[in-house]
Amino acid sequence: MPADAAAAAAAPGAGAAAAAVVAPIAAALPDARARALALLGGVGDQSAERVAALTQERNQIAQNRKRVAMEIKQEAKTHQRLMKKAQGLSDGDLMTIISNRAVAKAKAETKAKAKAKAKS
């Protein structure tokens, strides 16, 4: 819209005076978006800010999803390596490992109870 058309489209009165001042400034701006923002009197572009915020949130979610997928993959590989090692052990070796774990767990529970009792 040419500067004269913008001024002519404004209603007579105070609004017309403001449009007459803003219209030459808007006409000097090269792109349509800048002209439109100048005509609006510098009203903030809340929609663009909201889109930018949502885009940033989407990128964060994608990064989190990627991180979780990588952690799952690493845990699966660890589990697979552990199972492959366990296949090479005999039944006696596995029973020894299980009994050692049970003893260690019992010791830890006893130690925790004693510590809690000493704190009281």
PDB file of N, CA and C in Angstrom:
ATOM      1  N   MET A   1       0.850  -1.163   0.000  1.00  0.00           N
ATOM      2  CA  MET A   1       0.000   0.000   0.000  1.00  0.00           C
ATOM      3  C   MET A   1       0.900   1.232   0.000  1.00  0.00           C
ATOM      4  N   PRO A   2       0.701   2.166  -0.945  1.00  0.00           N
ATOM      5  CA  PRO A   2       1.515   3.383  -0.984  1.00  0.00           C
ATOM      6  C   PRO A   2       1.254   4.248   0.236  1.00  0.00           C
ATOM      7  N   ALA A   3       2.152   5.147   0.514  1.00  0.00           N
ATOM      8  CA  ALA A   3       2.045   6.000   1.691  1.00  0.00           C
ATOM      9  C   ALA A   3       0.791   6.862   1.626  1.00  0.00           C
ATOM     10  N   ASP A   4       0.467   7.391   0.451  1.00  0.00           N
ATOM     11  CA  ASP A   4      -0.725   8.231   0.314  1.00  0.00           C
ATOM     12  C   ASP A   4      -1.987   7.420   0.541  1.00  0.00           C
ATOM     13  N   ALA A   5      -2.015   6.175   0.108  1.00  0.00           N
ATOM     14  CA  ALA A   5      -3.184   5.318   0.287  1.00  0.00           C
ATOM     15  C   ALA A   5      -3.366   4.983   1.754  1.00  0.00           C
ATOM     16  N   ALA A   6      -2.273   4.782   2.476  1.00  0.00           N
ATOM     17  CA  ALA A   6      -2.364   4.486   3.907  1.00  0.00           C
ATOM     18  C   ALA A   6      -2.922   5.691   4.652  1.00  0.00           C
ATOM     19  N   ALA A   7      -2.496   6.874   4.269  1.00  0.00           N
ATOM     20  CA  ALA A   7      -2.987   8.081   4.925  1.00  0.00           C
ATOM     21  C   ALA A   7      -4.452   8.319   4.569  1.00  0.00           C
ATOM     22  N   ALA A   8      -4.830   8.024   3.337  1.00  0.00           N
ATOM     23  CA  ALA A   8      -6.207   8.239   2.904  1.00  0.00           C
ATOM     24  C   ALA A   8      -7.140   7.227   3.550  1.00  0.00           C
ATOM     25  N   ALA A   9      -6.664   6.018   3.836  1.00  0.00           N
ATOM     26  CA  ALA A   9      -7.500   4.980   4.411  1.00  0.00           C
ATOM     27  C   ALA A   9      -7.799   5.260   5.874  1.00  0.00           C
ATOM     28  N   ALA A  10      -6.964   6.035   6.536  1.00  0.00           N
ATOM     29  CA  ALA A  10      -7.169   6.338   7.951  1.00  0.00           C
ATOM     30  C   ALA A  10      -8.374   7.261   8.103  1.00  0.00           C
ATOM     31  N   ALA A  11      -9.087   7.102   9.216  1.00  0.00           N
ATOM     32  CA  ALA A  11     -10.255   7.933   9.492  1.00  0.00           C
ATOM     33  C   ALA A  11      -9.800   9.341   9.847  1.00  0.00           C
ATOM     34  N   PRO A  12     -10.604  10.359   9.550  1.00  0.00           N
ATOM     35  CA  PRO A  12     -10.219  11.728   9.894  1.00  0.00           C
ATOM     36  C   PRO A  12     -10.158  11.896  11.417  1.00  0.00           C
ATOM     37  N   GLY A  13      -9.319  12.778  11.872  1.00  0.00           N
ATOM     38  CA  GLY A  13      -9.180  13.024  13.303  1.00  0.00           C
ATOM     39  C   GLY A  13      -7.773  12.738  13.760  1.00  0.00           C
ATOM     40  N   ALA A  14      -7.630  12.349  15.043  1.00  0.00           N
ATOM     41  CA  ALA A  14      -6.317  12.105  15.636  1.00  0.00           C
ATOM     42  C   ALA A  14      -5.643  10.906  14.977  1.00  0.00           C
ATOM     43  N   GLY A  15      -6.408   9.895  14.635  1.00  0.00           N
ATOM     44  CA  GLY A  15      -5.855   8.707  13.986  1.00  0.00           C
ATOM     45  C   GLY A  15      -5.253   9.039  12.634  1.00  0.00           C
ATOM     46  N   ALA A  16      -5.860   9.965  11.916  1.00  0.00           N
ATOM     47  CA  ALA A  16      -5.357  10.353  10.611  1.00  0.00           C
ATOM     48  C   ALA A  16      -4.009  11.048  10.737  1.00  0.00           C
ATOM     49  N   ALA A  17      -3.849  11.859  11.778  1.00  0.00           N
ATOM     50  CA  ALA A  17      -2.587  12.558  11.982  1.00  0.00           C
ATOM     51  C   ALA A  17      -1.475  11.552  12.293  1.00  0.00           C
ATOM     52  N   ALA A  18      -1.783  10.569  13.124  1.00  0.00           N
ATOM     53  CA  ALA A  18      -0.790   9.556  13.466  1.00  0.00           C
ATOM     54  C   ALA A  18      -0.435   8.735  12.237  1.00  0.00           C
ATOM     55  N   ALA A  19      -1.428   8.402  11.423  1.00  0.00           N
ATOM     56  CA  ALA A  19      -1.174   7.614  10.215  1.00  0.00           C
ATOM     57  C   ALA A  19      -0.341   8.413   9.227  1.00  0.00           C
ATOM     58  N   ALA A  20      -0.556   9.728   9.183  1.00  0.00           N
ATOM     59  CA  ALA A  20       0.210  10.573   8.277  1.00  0.00           C
ATOM     60  C   ALA A  20       1.680  10.624   8.684  1.00  0.00           C
ATOM     61  N   VAL A  21       1.946  10.516   9.985  1.00  0.00           N
ATOM     62  CA  VAL A  21       3.326  10.544  10.469  1.00  0.00           C
ATOM     63  C   VAL A  21       3.985   9.180  10.253  1.00  0.00           C
ATOM     64  N   VAL A  22       3.249   8.089  10.521  1.00  0.00           N
ATOM     65  CA  VAL A  22       3.801   6.746  10.435  1.00  0.00           C
ATOM     66  C   VAL A  22       3.933   6.280   8.986  1.00  0.00           C
ATOM     67  N   ALA A  23       3.034   6.683   8.122  1.00  0.00           N
ATOM     68  CA  ALA A  23       3.013   6.207   6.748  1.00  0.00           C
ATOM     69  C   ALA A  23       4.326   6.464   6.010  1.00  0.00           C
ATOM     70  N   PRO A  24       4.937   7.669   6.079  1.00  0.00           N
ATOM     71  CA  PRO A  24       6.213   7.856   5.371  1.00  0.00           C
ATOM     72  C   PRO A  24       7.319   6.944   5.918  1.00  0.00           C
ATOM     73  N   ILE A  25       7.306   6.718   7.212  1.00  0.00           N
ATOM     74  CA  ILE A  25       8.307   5.827   7.811  1.00  0.00           C
ATOM     75  C   ILE A  25       8.101   4.413   7.273  1.00  0.00           C
ATOM     76  N   ALA A  26       6.852   3.964   7.239  1.00  0.00           N
ATOM     77  CA  ALA A  26       6.544   2.621   6.762  1.00  0.00           C
ATOM     78  C   ALA A  26       6.909   2.465   5.284  1.00  0.00           C
ATOM     79  N   ALA A  27       6.700   3.511   4.502  1.00  0.00           N
ATOM     80  CA  ALA A  27       6.999   3.437   3.076  1.00  0.00           C
ATOM     81  C   ALA A  27       8.499   3.319   2.836  1.00  0.00           C
ATOM     82  N   ALA A  28       9.306   3.846   3.740  1.00  0.00           N
ATOM     83  CA  ALA A  28      10.756   3.804   3.573  1.00  0.00           C
ATOM     84  C   ALA A  28      11.332   2.411   3.882  1.00  0.00           C
ATOM     85  N   LEU A  29      10.580   1.585   4.606  1.00  0.00           N
ATOM     86  CA  LEU A  29      11.073   0.258   4.967  1.00  0.00           C
ATOM     87  C   LEU A  29      10.933  -0.695   3.781  1.00  0.00           C
ATOM     88  N   PRO A  30      11.950  -1.541   3.552  1.00  0.00           N
ATOM     89  CA  PRO A  30      11.963  -2.351   2.332  1.00  0.00           C
ATOM     90  C   PRO A  30      11.005  -3.536   2.321  1.00  0.00           C
ATOM     91  N   ASP A  31      10.844  -4.248   3.417  1.00  0.00           N
ATOM     92  CA  ASP A  31      10.015  -5.448   3.338  1.00  0.00           C
ATOM     93  C   ASP A  31       8.622  -5.210   3.934  1.00  0.00           C
ATOM     94  N   ALA A  32       7.699  -6.027   3.500  1.00  0.00           N
ATOM     95  CA  ALA A  32       6.297  -5.860   3.879  1.00  0.00           C
ATOM     96  C   ALA A  32       6.089  -6.058   5.379  1.00  0.00           C
ATOM     97  N   ARG A  33       6.806  -6.987   5.974  1.00  0.00           N
ATOM     98  CA  ARG A  33       6.635  -7.250   7.416  1.00  0.00           C
ATOM     99  C   ARG A  33       7.068  -6.038   8.228  1.00  0.00           C
ATOM    100  N   ALA A  34       8.181  -5.451   7.862  1.00  0.00           N
ATOM    101  CA  ALA A  34       8.665  -4.274   8.580  1.00  0.00           C
ATOM    102  C   ALA A  34       7.681  -3.111   8.418  1.00  0.00           C
ATOM    103  N   ARG A  35       7.134  -2.943   7.207  1.00  0.00           N
ATOM    104  CA  ARG A  35       6.142  -1.876   6.990  1.00  0.00           C
ATOM    105  C   ARG A  35       4.897  -2.110   7.840  1.00  0.00           C
ATOM    106  N   ALA A  36       4.458  -3.374   7.888  1.00  0.00           N
ATOM    107  CA  ALA A  36       3.259  -3.698   8.663  1.00  0.00           C
ATOM    108  C   ALA A  36       3.492  -3.427  10.143  1.00  0.00           C
ATOM    109  N   LEU A  37       4.650  -3.811  10.670  1.00  0.00           N
ATOM    110  CA  LEU A  37       4.956  -3.560  12.083  1.00  0.00           C
ATOM    111  C   LEU A  37       5.046  -2.069  12.370  1.00  0.00           C
ATOM    112  N   ALA A  38       5.612  -1.299  11.433  1.00  0.00           N
ATOM    113  CA  ALA A  38       5.699   0.150  11.620  1.00  0.00           C
ATOM    114  C   ALA A  38       4.306   0.770  11.633  1.00  0.00           C
ATOM    115  N   LEU A  39       3.421   0.288  10.761  1.00  0.00           N
ATOM    116  CA  LEU A  39       2.053   0.807  10.724  1.00  0.00           C
ATOM    117  C   LEU A  39       1.281   0.456  12.003  1.00  0.00           C
ATOM    118  N   LEU A  40       1.623  -0.674  12.587  1.00  0.00           N
ATOM    119  CA  LEU A  40       0.958  -1.078  13.830  1.00  0.00           C
ATOM    120  C   LEU A  40       1.490  -0.299  15.023  1.00  0.00           C
ATOM    121  N   GLY A  41       2.496   0.511  14.804  1.00  0.00           N
ATOM    122  CA  GLY A  41       3.014   1.320  15.894  1.00  0.00           C
ATOM    123  C   GLY A  41       3.965   0.537  16.788  1.00  0.00           C
ATOM    124  N   GLY A  42       4.623  -0.455  16.248  1.00  0.00           N
ATOM    125  CA  GLY A  42       5.603  -1.198  17.030  1.00  0.00           C
ATOM    126  C   GLY A  42       4.992  -2.195  17.993  1.00  0.00           C
ATOM    127  N   VAL A  43       3.763  -2.611  17.744  1.00  0.00           N
ATOM    128  CA  VAL A  43       3.142  -3.622  18.592  1.00  0.00           C
ATOM    129  C   VAL A  43       3.983  -4.898  18.506  1.00  0.00           C
ATOM    130  N   GLY A  44       4.278  -5.496  19.657  1.00  0.00           N
ATOM    131  CA  GLY A  44       5.121  -6.694  19.687  1.00  0.00           C
ATOM    132  C   GLY A  44       4.497  -7.846  18.923  1.00  0.00           C
ATOM    133  N   ASP A  45       5.338  -8.656  18.355  1.00  0.00           N
ATOM    134  CA  ASP A  45       4.875  -9.812  17.593  1.00  0.00           C
ATOM    135  C   ASP A  45       4.832 -11.019  18.528  1.00  0.00           C
ATOM    136  N   GLN A  46       3.759 -11.113  19.309  1.00  0.00           N
ATOM    137  CA  GLN A  46       3.628 -12.178  20.308  1.00  0.00           C
ATOM    138  C   GLN A  46       3.504 -13.548  19.651  1.00  0.00           C
ATOM    139  N   SER A  47       2.904 -13.593  18.512  1.00  0.00           N
ATOM    140  CA  SER A  47       2.730 -14.867  17.815  1.00  0.00           C
ATOM    141  C   SER A  47       4.082 -15.457  17.425  1.00  0.00           C
ATOM    142  N   ALA A  48       4.959 -14.623  16.893  1.00  0.00           N
ATOM    143  CA  ALA A  48       6.283 -15.102  16.497  1.00  0.00           C
ATOM    144  C   ALA A  48       7.084 -15.532  17.722  1.00  0.00           C
ATOM    145  N   GLU A  49       6.942 -14.801  18.822  1.00  0.00           N
ATOM    146  CA  GLU A  49       7.631 -15.170  20.057  1.00  0.00           C
ATOM    147  C   GLU A  49       7.130 -16.524  20.556  1.00  0.00           C
ATOM    148  N   ARG A  50       5.833 -16.748  20.471  1.00  0.00           N
ATOM    149  CA  ARG A  50       5.236 -18.012  20.910  1.00  0.00           C
ATOM    150  C   ARG A  50       5.733 -19.155  20.030  1.00  0.00           C
ATOM    151  N   VAL A  51       5.792 -18.922  18.725  1.00  0.00           N
ATOM    152  CA  VAL A  51       6.287 -19.945  17.802  1.00  0.00           C
ATOM    153  C   VAL A  51       7.743 -20.271  18.114  1.00  0.00           C
ATOM    154  N   ALA A  52       8.542 -19.243  18.386  1.00  0.00           N
ATOM    155  CA  ALA A  52       9.956 -19.457  18.718  1.00  0.00           C
ATOM    156  C   ALA A  52      10.085 -20.263  20.018  1.00  0.00           C
ATOM    157  N   ALA A  53       9.262 -19.948  21.015  1.00  0.00           N
ATOM    158  CA  ALA A  53       9.303 -20.672  22.285  1.00  0.00           C
ATOM    159  C   ALA A  53       8.902 -22.134  22.089  1.00  0.00           C
ATOM    160  N   LEU A  54       7.868 -22.366  21.304  1.00  0.00           N
ATOM    161  CA  LEU A  54       7.427 -23.735  21.043  1.00  0.00           C
ATOM    162  C   LEU A  54       8.468 -24.512  20.243  1.00  0.00           C
ATOM    163  N   THR A  55       9.119 -23.848  19.302  1.00  0.00           N
ATOM    164  CA  THR A  55      10.171 -24.494  18.525  1.00  0.00           C
ATOM    165  C   THR A  55      11.328 -24.897  19.430  1.00  0.00           C
ATOM    166  N   GLN A  56      11.692 -23.995  20.348  1.00  0.00           N
ATOM    167  CA  GLN A  56      12.768 -24.308  21.290  1.00  0.00           C
ATOM    168  C   GLN A  56      12.371 -25.491  22.185  1.00  0.00           C
ATOM    169  N   GLU A  57      11.132 -25.500  22.645  1.00  0.00           N
ATOM    170  CA  GLU A  57      10.650 -26.604  23.481  1.00  0.00           C
ATOM    171  C   GLU A  57      10.682 -27.924  22.700  1.00  0.00           C
ATOM    172  N   ARG A  58      10.280 -27.879  21.429  1.00  0.00           N
ATOM    173  CA  ARG A  58      10.304 -29.079  20.594  1.00  0.00           C
ATOM    174  C   ARG A  58      11.732 -29.599  20.429  1.00  0.00           C
ATOM    175  N   ASN A  59      12.685 -28.680  20.252  1.00  0.00           N
ATOM    176  CA  ASN A  59      14.080 -29.077  20.115  1.00  0.00           C
ATOM    177  C   ASN A  59      14.605 -29.712  21.401  1.00  0.00           C
ATOM    178  N   GLN A  60      14.211 -29.169  22.560  1.00  0.00           N
ATOM    179  CA  GLN A  60      14.625 -29.745  23.837  1.00  0.00           C
ATOM    180  C   GLN A  60      14.049 -31.145  24.011  1.00  0.00           C
ATOM    181  N   ILE A  61      12.792 -31.320  23.639  1.00  0.00           N
ATOM    182  CA  ILE A  61      12.152 -32.635  23.744  1.00  0.00           C
ATOM    183  C   ILE A  61      12.873 -33.627  22.833  1.00  0.00           C
ATOM    184  N   ALA A  62      13.227 -33.186  21.639  1.00  0.00           N
ATOM    185  CA  ALA A  62      13.945 -34.071  20.710  1.00  0.00           C
ATOM    186  C   ALA A  62      15.313 -34.458  21.277  1.00  0.00           C
ATOM    187  N   GLN A  63      16.000 -33.497  21.897  1.00  0.00           N
ATOM    188  CA  GLN A  63      17.299 -33.802  22.508  1.00  0.00           C
ATOM    189  C   GLN A  63      17.135 -34.796  23.644  1.00  0.00           C
ATOM    190  N   ASN A  64      16.102 -34.609  24.480  1.00  0.00           N
ATOM    191  CA  ASN A  64      15.849 -35.544  25.585  1.00  0.00           C
ATOM    192  C   ASN A  64      15.524 -36.933  25.055  1.00  0.00           C
ATOM    193  N   ARG A  65      14.713 -36.990  24.014  1.00  0.00           N
ATOM    194  CA  ARG A  65      14.340 -38.276  23.422  1.00  0.00           C
ATOM    195  C   ARG A  65      15.584 -38.986  22.885  1.00  0.00           C
ATOM    196  N   LYS A  66      16.468 -38.220  22.250  1.00  0.00           N
ATOM    197  CA  LYS A  66      17.697 -38.788  21.698  1.00  0.00           C
ATOM    198  C   LYS A  66      18.598 -39.304  22.827  1.00  0.00           C
ATOM    199  N   ARG A  67      18.695 -38.535  23.910  1.00  0.00           N
ATOM    200  CA  ARG A  67      19.523 -38.932  25.048  1.00  0.00           C
ATOM    201  C   ARG A  67      18.993 -40.214  25.686  1.00  0.00           C
ATOM    202  N   VAL A  68      17.682 -40.281  25.880  1.00  0.00           N
ATOM    203  CA  VAL A  68      17.073 -41.470  26.480  1.00  0.00           C
ATOM    204  C   VAL A  68      17.266 -42.686  25.575  1.00  0.00           C
ATOM    205  N   ALA A  69      17.113 -42.510  24.290  1.00  0.00           N
ATOM    206  CA  ALA A  69      17.308 -43.618  23.348  1.00  0.00           C
ATOM    207  C   ALA A  69      18.747 -44.127  23.418  1.00  0.00           C
ATOM    208  N   MET A  70      19.703 -43.192  23.540  1.00  0.00           N
ATOM    209  CA  MET A  70      21.100 -43.597  23.627  1.00  0.00           C
ATOM    210  C   MET A  70      21.358 -44.350  24.940  1.00  0.00           C
ATOM    211  N   GLU A  71      20.767 -43.882  26.049  1.00  0.00           N
ATOM    212  CA  GLU A  71      20.933 -44.567  27.333  1.00  0.00           C
ATOM    213  C   GLU A  71      20.341 -45.977  27.292  1.00  0.00           C
ATOM    214  N   ILE A  72      19.180 -46.119  26.672  1.00  0.00           N
ATOM    215  CA  ILE A  72      18.551 -47.437  26.538  1.00  0.00           C
ATOM    216  C   ILE A  72      19.458 -48.361  25.728  1.00  0.00           C
ATOM    217  N   LYS A  73      20.001 -47.828  24.644  1.00  0.00           N
ATOM    218  CA  LYS A  73      20.887 -48.627  23.792  1.00  0.00           C
ATOM    219  C   LYS A  73      22.132 -49.065  24.563  1.00  0.00           C
ATOM    220  N   GLN A  74      22.702 -48.151  25.351  1.00  0.00           N
ATOM    221  CA  GLN A  74      23.892 -48.494  26.139  1.00  0.00           C
ATOM    222  C   GLN A  74      23.577 -49.553  27.190  1.00  0.00           C
ATOM    223  N   GLU A  75      22.446 -49.424  27.869  1.00  0.00           N
ATOM    224  CA  GLU A  75      22.053 -50.418  28.873  1.00  0.00           C
ATOM    225  C   GLU A  75      21.809 -51.783  28.238  1.00  0.00           C
ATOM    226  N   ALA A  76      21.197 -51.786  27.060  1.00  0.00           N
ATOM    227  CA  ALA A  76      20.951 -53.052  26.367  1.00  0.00           C
ATOM    228  C   ALA A  76      22.274 -53.721  25.995  1.00  0.00           C
ATOM    229  N   LYS A  77      23.231 -52.925  25.523  1.00  0.00           N
ATOM    230  CA  LYS A  77      24.542 -53.494  25.186  1.00  0.00           C
ATOM    231  C   LYS A  77      25.229 -54.048  26.425  1.00  0.00           C
ATOM    232  N   THR A  78      25.153 -53.306  27.544  1.00  0.00           N
ATOM    233  CA  THR A  78      25.758 -53.778  28.794  1.00  0.00           C
ATOM    234  C   THR A  78      25.129 -55.091  29.230  1.00  0.00           C
ATOM    235  N   HIS A  79      23.817 -55.152  29.164  1.00  0.00           N
ATOM    236  CA  HIS A  79      23.094 -56.371  29.546  1.00  0.00           C
ATOM    237  C   HIS A  79      23.491 -57.541  28.640  1.00  0.00           C
ATOM    238  N   GLN A  80      23.578 -57.252  27.355  1.00  0.00           N
ATOM    239  CA  GLN A  80      23.943 -58.296  26.395  1.00  0.00           C
ATOM    240  C   GLN A  80      25.354 -58.820  26.674  1.00  0.00           C
ATOM    241  N   ARG A  81      26.300 -57.912  26.961  1.00  0.00           N
ATOM    242  CA  ARG A  81      27.668 -58.348  27.281  1.00  0.00           C
ATOM    243  C   ARG A  81      27.693 -59.187  28.551  1.00  0.00           C
ATOM    244  N   LEU A  82      26.912 -58.765  29.562  1.00  0.00           N
ATOM    245  CA  LEU A  82      26.861 -59.498  30.822  1.00  0.00           C
ATOM    246  C   LEU A  82      26.285 -60.897  30.615  1.00  0.00           C
ATOM    247  N   MET A  83      25.226 -61.010  29.829  1.00  0.00           N
ATOM    248  CA  MET A  83      24.626 -62.315  29.565  1.00  0.00           C
ATOM    249  C   MET A  83      25.590 -63.215  28.785  1.00  0.00           C
ATOM    250  N   LYS A  84      26.344 -62.622  27.875  1.00  0.00           N
ATOM    251  CA  LYS A  84      27.307 -63.409  27.103  1.00  0.00           C
ATOM    252  C   LYS A  84      28.403 -63.960  28.023  1.00  0.00           C
ATOM    253  N   LYS A  85      28.848 -63.131  28.982  1.00  0.00           N
ATOM    254  CA  LYS A  85      29.853 -63.589  29.952  1.00  0.00           C
ATOM    255  C   LYS A  85      29.266 -64.675  30.863  1.00  0.00           C
ATOM    256  N   ALA A  86      28.017 -64.488  31.264  1.00  0.00           N
ATOM    257  CA  ALA A  86      27.382 -65.442  32.167  1.00  0.00           C
ATOM    258  C   ALA A  86      27.196 -66.798  31.500  1.00  0.00           C
ATOM    259  N   GLN A  87      27.028 -66.828  30.208  1.00  0.00           N
ATOM    260  CA  GLN A  87      26.864 -68.101  29.499  1.00  0.00           C
ATOM    261  C   GLN A  87      28.105 -68.964  29.621  1.00  0.00           C
ATOM    262  N   GLY A  88      29.260 -68.328  29.762  1.00  0.00           N
ATOM    263  CA  GLY A  88      30.498 -69.077  29.873  1.00  0.00           C
ATOM    264  C   GLY A  88      30.749 -69.627  31.268  1.00  0.00           C
ATOM    265  N   LEU A  89      29.967 -69.213  32.249  1.00  0.00           N
ATOM    266  CA  LEU A  89      30.166 -69.683  33.624  1.00  0.00           C
ATOM    267  C   LEU A  89      29.431 -70.997  33.854  1.00  0.00           C
ATOM    268  N   SER A  90      29.984 -71.776  34.754  1.00  0.00           N
ATOM    269  CA  SER A  90      29.324 -73.046  35.102  1.00  0.00           C
ATOM    270  C   SER A  90      28.227 -72.766  36.136  1.00  0.00           C
ATOM    271  N   ASP A  91      27.405 -73.807  36.387  1.00  0.00           N
ATOM    272  CA  ASP A  91      26.338 -73.671  37.378  1.00  0.00           C
ATOM    273  C   ASP A  91      26.925 -73.383  38.762  1.00  0.00           C
ATOM    274  N   GLY A  92      28.022 -74.028  39.079  1.00  0.00           N
ATOM    275  CA  GLY A  92      28.678 -73.813  40.370  1.00  0.00           C
ATOM    276  C   GLY A  92      29.166 -72.381  40.525  1.00  0.00           C
ATOM    277  N   ASP A  93      29.729 -71.823  39.446  1.00  0.00           N
ATOM    278  CA  ASP A  93      30.190 -70.430  39.474  1.00  0.00           C
ATOM    279  C   ASP A  93      29.026 -69.471  39.701  1.00  0.00           C
ATOM    280  N   LEU A  94      27.935 -69.723  39.009  1.00  0.00           N
ATOM    281  CA  LEU A  94      26.752 -68.869  39.156  1.00  0.00           C
ATOM    282  C   LEU A  94      26.178 -68.954  40.569  1.00  0.00           C
ATOM    283  N   MET A  95      26.163 -70.163  41.139  1.00  0.00           N
ATOM    284  CA  MET A  95      25.654 -70.328  42.514  1.00  0.00           C
ATOM    285  C   MET A  95      26.561 -69.603  43.508  1.00  0.00           C
ATOM    286  N   THR A  96      27.865 -69.627  43.280  1.00  0.00           N
ATOM    287  CA  THR A  96      28.814 -68.914  44.139  1.00  0.00           C
ATOM    288  C   THR A  96      28.562 -67.412  44.076  1.00  0.00           C
ATOM    289  N   ILE A  97      28.354 -66.902  42.876  1.00  0.00           N
ATOM    290  CA  ILE A  97      28.082 -65.475  42.696  1.00  0.00           C
ATOM    291  C   ILE A  97      26.795 -65.094  43.432  1.00  0.00           C
ATOM    292  N   ILE A  98      25.760 -65.895  43.295  1.00  0.00           N
ATOM    293  CA  ILE A  98      24.474 -65.603  43.940  1.00  0.00           C
ATOM    294  C   ILE A  98      24.620 -65.635  45.459  1.00  0.00           C
ATOM    295  N   SER A  99      25.329 -66.629  45.989  1.00  0.00           N
ATOM    296  CA  SER A  99      25.486 -66.710  47.448  1.00  0.00           C
ATOM    297  C   SER A  99      26.332 -65.548  47.965  1.00  0.00           C
ATOM    298  N   ASN A 100      27.365 -65.145  47.221  1.00  0.00           N
ATOM    299  CA  ASN A 100      28.182 -63.984  47.619  1.00  0.00           C
ATOM    300  C   ASN A 100      27.345 -62.704  47.638  1.00  0.00           C
ATOM    301  N   ARG A 101      26.462 -62.569  46.684  1.00  0.00           N
ATOM    302  CA  ARG A 101      25.570 -61.403  46.651  1.00  0.00           C
ATOM    303  C   ARG A 101      24.639 -61.393  47.855  1.00  0.00           C
ATOM    304  N   ALA A 102      24.109 -62.553  48.206  1.00  0.00           N
ATOM    305  CA  ALA A 102      23.203 -62.652  49.356  1.00  0.00           C
ATOM    306  C   ALA A 102      23.932 -62.290  50.644  1.00  0.00           C
ATOM    307  N   VAL A 103      25.157 -62.763  50.802  1.00  0.00           N
ATOM    308  CA  VAL A 103      25.948 -62.443  51.996  1.00  0.00           C
ATOM    309  C   VAL A 103      26.229 -60.943  52.051  1.00  0.00           C
ATOM    310  N   ALA A 104      26.612 -60.348  50.934  1.00  0.00           N
ATOM    311  CA  ALA A 104      26.905 -58.917  50.888  1.00  0.00           C
ATOM    312  C   ALA A 104      25.661 -58.089  51.203  1.00  0.00           C
ATOM    313  N   LYS A 105      24.520 -58.528  50.709  1.00  0.00           N
ATOM    314  CA  LYS A 105      23.266 -57.820  50.974  1.00  0.00           C
ATOM    315  C   LYS A 105      22.918 -57.902  52.453  1.00  0.00           C
ATOM    316  N   ALA A 106      23.084 -59.054  53.057  1.00  0.00           N
ATOM    317  CA  ALA A 106      22.787 -59.223  54.481  1.00  0.00           C
ATOM    318  C   ALA A 106      23.703 -58.341  55.327  1.00  0.00           C
ATOM    319  N   LYS A 107      24.985 -58.283  54.984  1.00  0.00           N
ATOM    320  CA  LYS A 107      25.928 -57.432  55.707  1.00  0.00           C
ATOM    321  C   LYS A 107      25.528 -55.965  55.602  1.00  0.00           C
ATOM    322  N   ALA A 108      25.143 -55.544  54.412  1.00  0.00           N
ATOM    323  CA  ALA A 108      24.755 -54.152  54.197  1.00  0.00           C
ATOM    324  C   ALA A 108      23.522 -53.805  55.016  1.00  0.00           C
ATOM    325  N   GLU A 109      22.544 -54.710  55.069  1.00  0.00           N
ATOM    326  CA  GLU A 109      21.329 -54.455  55.852  1.00  0.00           C
ATOM    327  C   GLU A 109      21.657 -54.371  57.333  1.00  0.00           C
ATOM    328  N   THR A 110      22.512 -55.275  57.828  1.00  0.00           N
ATOM    329  CA  THR A 110      22.899 -55.271  59.235  1.00  0.00           C
ATOM    330  C   THR A 110      23.623 -53.975  59.579  1.00  0.00           C
ATOM    331  N   LYS A 111      24.514 -53.539  58.696  1.00  0.00           N
ATOM    332  CA  LYS A 111      25.268 -52.310  58.917  1.00  0.00           C
ATOM    333  C   LYS A 111      24.332 -51.098  58.928  1.00  0.00           C
ATOM    334  N   ALA A 112      23.354 -51.082  58.033  1.00  0.00           N
ATOM    335  CA  ALA A 112      22.404 -49.974  57.970  1.00  0.00           C
ATOM    336  C   ALA A 112      21.547 -49.913  59.228  1.00  0.00           C
ATOM    337  N   LYS A 113      21.122 -51.065  59.727  1.00  0.00           N
ATOM    338  CA  LYS A 113      20.323 -51.105  60.959  1.00  0.00           C
ATOM    339  C   LYS A 113      21.142 -50.608  62.140  1.00  0.00           C
ATOM    340  N   ALA A 114      22.418 -51.028  62.231  1.00  0.00           N
ATOM    341  CA  ALA A 114      23.272 -50.599  63.327  1.00  0.00           C
ATOM    342  C   ALA A 114      23.515 -49.091  63.263  1.00  0.00           C
ATOM    343  N   LYS A 115      23.694 -48.577  62.078  1.00  0.00           N
ATOM    344  CA  LYS A 115      23.915 -47.139  61.895  1.00  0.00           C
ATOM    345  C   LYS A 115      22.668 -46.347  62.287  1.00  0.00           C
ATOM    346  N   ALA A 116      21.498 -46.848  61.909  1.00  0.00           N
ATOM    347  CA  ALA A 116      20.243 -46.180  62.246  1.00  0.00           C
ATOM    348  C   ALA A 116      20.018 -46.218  63.765  1.00  0.00           C
ATOM    349  N   LYS A 117      20.356 -47.335  64.377  1.00  0.00           N
ATOM    350  CA  LYS A 117      20.181 -47.477  65.813  1.00  0.00           C
ATOM    351  C   LYS A 117      21.135 -46.540  66.560  1.00  0.00           C
ATOM    352  N   ALA A 118      22.372 -46.399  66.080  1.00  0.00           N
ATOM    353  CA  ALA A 118      23.354 -45.526  66.711  1.00  0.00           C
ATOM    354  C   ALA A 118      22.944 -44.058  66.575  1.00  0.00           C
ATOM    355  N   LYS A 119      22.280 -43.707  65.500  1.00  0.00           N
ATOM    356  CA  LYS A 119      21.817 -42.337  65.280  1.00  0.00           C
ATOM    357  C   LYS A 119      20.692 -41.962  66.234  1.00  0.00           C
ATOM    358  N   SER A 120      19.885 -42.935  66.623  1.00  0.00           N
ATOM    359  CA  SER A 120      18.709 -42.663  67.452  1.00  0.00           C
ATOM    360  C   SER A 120      19.056 -42.355  68.871  1.00  0.00           C
TER     361      SER A 120
END
